[in-house]
């Protein structure tokens, strides 16, 4: 097809869940050779609309036209056969399988007798071509969230998708990786593909897209050329009002040492050393940011200070007491809160409702042998109100909620316990501009109340805005700890890539 020619057109798409209207007569067009950004607040209907385009959901009404012909997508396989592929925010991978098995699974080109060496070679070739490092023989459960995301992207590329949809594709990528990804998407667009990505990051929209569609309350409120708009106009379209928030302020003096790591080492799920001689400390009223490319020990670091992983050497001291290799329950009793990278797995149970998910941590506060469900419901309703969580019903499974609202629920549960130490991994992943700001403000409020915060993030702007100091990790080591100033930004990037301190002049 010729560049800018309509490749897919969605007309008057309507979809509801439990009486809650997710898409309300939405029109959407993606063109050949175009990178199209889809913006909107949490619950605006972005993922629902794209799920209809990939056969995961069947619209209640409306029409989908592909290359000027009406099509009916009854399943994701139908979409794949039409050249439509989606990388979801919550990955669709089989965790016990290897990378190669996941990529080959369901592909129409996969023969009955699978030549694993051939598939592995093709995966390595794709990974090298698009700059996405991945081990084709690793089990998916052994990979970090960032590495799993790369597998999903390679899976779509392996299947030769002509329409590629990405839901929050850069949520756990470094700035350098984001640049590489958008270069890849641009190459795909130039080759004639239609690329659609959902994001809440205006910088990415302005730098990486040709066209922008904004959804609000399930409706298409605008489709504009990127060159004809700016961040302020987009923010107004997203929320329906002007956003004039003041800059976040950090203040106060650190108090006593809450967390101290002394020469800590630990192995990853592959049996390889993931943390090497980690020594650092965090004081009350202080945020220590951890910068690093996914897969360099951040996941293992978060797990050892929350009791989810054993150490092989060293000590973990919390408020002067040795907690090395104690149980997660003991860490919780010590006042440790955990916001994990995998919110629908480690953090929350998708098939349970909001009340039950909050009870997972708060049941210990109930007296006697029986739970007070009435009191639990009141608490859940208060958290939903305080954190402005959008959900159709407090009794519905939380898997029906948008990604951003799931994150808000997880934060509400963890912050409610007034923790002494907060371990948070990618806390604003998948949140829109308003919710992102609210969460960051909550973290600063927890800091001002005396909590020590371990903030693991690959968004350097976030670390610069929130952290009191930044520790850079590479291959399980802390390369250096630097103050959060933009003068150090290039140095931090080089340390994240493995350069030694003396090589970057630190």
Foldseek 3Di string as FASTA:
>chain_A
DDFFAWFKWWFQFWAADPPQTQAGGAIDTFTWLFEEEEEAFFSLNPVVVVCCLQQVDPTPDTFMDGPNHTDGRNHNLSNLVVQEAEQDPQGDADQQQFLLCRLLPSQPPADPDGDSVVSQVVLVVLCVVLVNDDDRGHGNNLFDPLNSLSSRVSSSVVSVRLEYEYELSCLFAFPVNLVSVLVVVSVSSVVTGGYYYYDQDQVCCLPRGQKYWYGGSNYTPDIGGSVVDHDQVNVCSRPVHGDDDDADDFDDDFDAWFKWWAQWWFAGPVRHIQAGGDTDTWTWLAEEEEAAHGPNNLQVVLCQLQLNGATPDTFIAGPRHTPHNPHNVVSVVQFEFEAHPNCPPVQAPQQFFLLVSLCVNVVVVDDDDDGDSVVSVVLSVVLCVVLVQDDPDRGGGCNPGGPQSSLSSSCSSRVVSLGQEYEHESSRRSGHPVSVVVVLNVVSVSSVVTHTYYYYGSYLVSCLRRHQWYFYGGNNYGQDIGGSDPVCVVVSVVVNVPDHCVRSPD
